[in-house]
Protein backbone atom coordinates (compact mmCIF):
# COMPACT_ATOMS: atom_id res chain seq x y z
CA MET A 1 43.10 139.52 169.02
CA ALA A 2 42.36 140.86 172.57
CA GLU A 3 43.11 144.54 173.37
CA MET A 4 45.62 145.13 176.06
CA LYS A 5 44.27 147.92 178.33
CA GLY A 6 47.06 150.31 179.62
CA PHE A 7 49.24 149.81 176.45
CA ILE A 8 49.38 151.05 172.85
CA GLU A 9 51.05 149.19 169.93
CA VAL A 10 52.98 151.52 167.63
CA THR A 11 55.47 151.16 164.88
CA GLU A 12 58.80 152.81 165.32
CA GLU A 13 60.52 154.47 162.48
CA ARG A 14 62.49 151.29 161.34
CA GLY A 15 59.34 149.16 161.31
CA LEU A 16 59.62 147.47 164.63
CA LYS A 17 56.41 146.97 166.76
CA VAL A 18 56.55 148.40 170.13
CA LEU A 19 54.15 148.14 173.12
CA CYS A 20 54.18 151.38 174.99
CA PRO A 21 52.70 151.49 178.47
CA VAL A 22 50.22 154.41 178.61
CA SER A 23 51.25 155.27 182.13
CA LYS A 24 54.75 156.12 181.05
CA ILE A 25 53.89 158.42 178.23
CA LEU A 26 54.67 162.16 179.22
CA THR A 27 53.81 163.76 175.78
CA VAL A 28 52.92 163.13 172.23
CA VAL A 29 54.67 165.58 169.87
CA CYS A 30 53.95 166.31 166.16
CA ASP A 31 56.32 168.56 164.40
CA GLU A 32 55.55 170.62 161.39
CA SER A 33 56.63 167.83 158.90
CA GLY A 34 54.11 165.41 160.54
CA ASP A 35 56.86 163.26 162.42
CA VAL A 36 55.31 161.99 165.76
CA PHE A 37 57.49 161.40 168.90
CA ILE A 38 56.18 159.58 171.87
CA GLU A 39 58.09 161.04 174.89
CA LEU A 40 58.61 158.42 177.84
CA ASP A 41 61.31 159.99 179.93
CA VAL A 42 63.20 163.30 180.71
CA ASP A 43 66.40 163.16 182.50
CA GLY A 44 67.97 165.82 184.86
CA LYS A 45 69.47 167.64 181.97
CA LEU A 46 66.03 167.82 180.23
CA ASP A 47 67.05 165.40 177.57
CA SER A 48 64.04 163.37 176.48
CA SER A 49 63.82 159.80 175.27
CA GLY A 50 61.05 157.87 173.61
CA VAL A 51 59.97 156.47 170.32
CA LEU A 52 59.65 158.20 166.88
CA VAL A 53 56.61 156.43 165.29
CA ARG A 54 55.18 156.01 161.83
CA GLU A 55 51.53 156.51 163.02
CA SER A 56 49.97 159.86 162.78
CA PHE A 57 49.10 162.11 165.74
CA TYR A 58 45.49 161.37 165.17
CA GLU A 59 46.12 157.66 165.14
CA ILE A 60 48.09 157.89 168.44
CA LYS A 61 45.35 159.97 169.99
CA GLN A 62 42.77 157.27 169.01
CA LYS A 63 45.01 154.32 170.33
CA LEU A 64 45.41 156.22 173.76
CA GLU A 65 41.58 156.77 174.02
CA LYS A 66 41.03 153.17 173.29
CA ALA A 67 43.69 152.03 175.80
CA LEU A 68 42.37 154.22 178.61
CA PHE A 69 38.56 153.95 178.28
């Protein structure tokens, strides 16, 4: 399968596959329990929206590096 530059494929918490555009990713957050959240938007009230994923922080970091370079 060909790689899509500018996107990463992740698995959200319910098991759905999601293509996230790298250009829309604001932050990647890993909490103390190891849960990883990809933040895609913040509204005027500073409420964030994004995707809670099954992949580890390290896996997301690798996917981002591959998608960008």
